[in-house]
Protein backbone atom coordinates (compact mmCIF):
# COMPACT_ATOMS: atom_id res chain seq x y z
CA MET A 1 -19.56 21.25 91.14
CA GLY A 2 -16.87 18.59 91.56
CA TYR A 3 -14.75 17.66 94.54
CA GLN A 4 -11.75 19.68 93.34
CA SER A 5 -13.74 22.87 92.75
CA ASP A 6 -15.39 22.52 96.18
CA LEU A 7 -11.95 22.13 97.75
CA VAL A 8 -10.64 25.23 95.97
CA GLU A 9 -13.67 27.23 97.13
CA ARG A 10 -13.06 26.16 100.75
CA ILE A 11 -9.41 27.22 100.46
CA LYS A 12 -10.37 30.57 98.94
CA SER A 13 -12.82 31.13 101.78
CA VAL A 14 -10.04 30.69 104.36
CA LEU A 15 -7.74 32.97 102.37
CA ASN A 16 -10.51 35.56 102.24
CA GLU A 17 -10.71 35.47 106.05
CA ALA A 18 -6.93 35.98 106.23
CA ASN A 19 -7.25 38.91 103.84
CA GLY A 20 -9.43 40.65 106.40
CA PHE A 21 -6.40 40.80 108.70
CA LEU A 22 -3.83 41.48 106.00
CA ALA A 23 -5.87 44.39 104.63
CA ILE A 24 -5.16 46.30 107.84
CA ASP A 25 -1.58 46.63 106.57
CA ASN A 26 -2.63 47.09 102.92
CA GLY A 27 -1.74 43.54 101.94
CA SER A 28 -3.44 40.40 100.69
CA VAL A 29 -2.91 36.76 99.84
CA GLU A 30 -4.41 34.91 96.90
CA PHE A 31 -4.82 31.34 95.70
CA VAL A 32 -2.48 30.33 92.86
CA ASN A 33 -2.93 26.54 92.66
CA LEU A 34 -3.28 23.33 94.61
CA GLU A 35 -0.92 20.55 93.62
CA LEU A 36 -1.90 16.87 93.69
CA ASP A 37 0.35 16.23 96.70
CA GLY A 38 -1.59 18.74 98.83
CA ILE A 39 0.81 21.67 98.46
CA LEU A 40 -1.10 24.94 98.21
CA ARG A 41 0.66 27.75 96.32
CA VAL A 42 -0.26 31.30 97.24
CA LYS A 43 0.89 34.80 96.29
CA PHE A 44 1.14 37.84 98.53
CA SER A 45 0.43 41.28 97.13
CA GLY A 46 0.36 44.85 98.36
CA SER A 47 2.60 45.58 101.31
CA CYS A 48 2.75 41.85 102.15
CA ALA A 49 4.69 41.16 98.96
CA ILE A 50 7.71 43.10 100.24
CA CYS A 51 7.31 42.74 103.99
CA PRO A 52 10.29 41.23 105.86
CA LEU A 53 7.80 39.39 108.11
CA ARG A 54 6.24 37.60 105.14
CA PRO A 55 7.66 34.15 106.12
CA MET A 56 6.11 34.47 109.58
CA THR A 57 2.80 35.60 108.11
CA LEU A 58 2.87 32.64 105.73
CA ARG A 59 3.55 30.01 108.41
CA ALA A 60 1.93 31.37 111.58
CA GLY A 61 -0.99 33.05 109.87
CA VAL A 62 -1.99 31.76 106.47
CA GLU A 63 -0.70 28.17 106.68
CA ARG A 64 -2.01 27.64 110.19
CA ALA A 65 -5.50 28.87 109.24
CA VAL A 66 -5.63 26.75 106.08
CA LEU A 67 -4.35 23.57 107.75
CA LEU A 68 -6.90 23.90 110.55
CA LYS A 69 -9.85 24.30 108.19
CA VAL A 70 -8.90 22.37 105.04
CA ARG A 71 -7.48 18.96 105.98
CA GLU A 72 -6.62 18.06 102.38
CA VAL A 73 -3.90 20.74 102.30
CA LYS A 74 -0.57 19.46 103.61
CA ARG A 75 1.55 22.62 103.32
CA VAL A 76 1.34 26.19 102.05
CA GLU A 77 4.16 27.64 99.93
CA LEU A 78 4.76 30.85 98.04
CA ALA A 79 4.26 30.56 94.31
CA VAL A 80 7.42 31.04 92.28
CA ALA A 81 7.12 34.16 90.17
């Protein structure tokens, strides 16, 4: 298992923790990709995909959790559909 795959697994673990909270409202977040500059792209699904509070959930919830636990990630952004 290489460095990149270990990094992706650590990110997915944090996202899985976030999904425990998002599932309460029938939503979830998933890993899309990690760019070389440290930008993590994620996708919301379920009720989170259409929620008007999605930007707050992204920044105050998902991004904060990822940045605290995975130092290699510099920012979290929504994947462009």
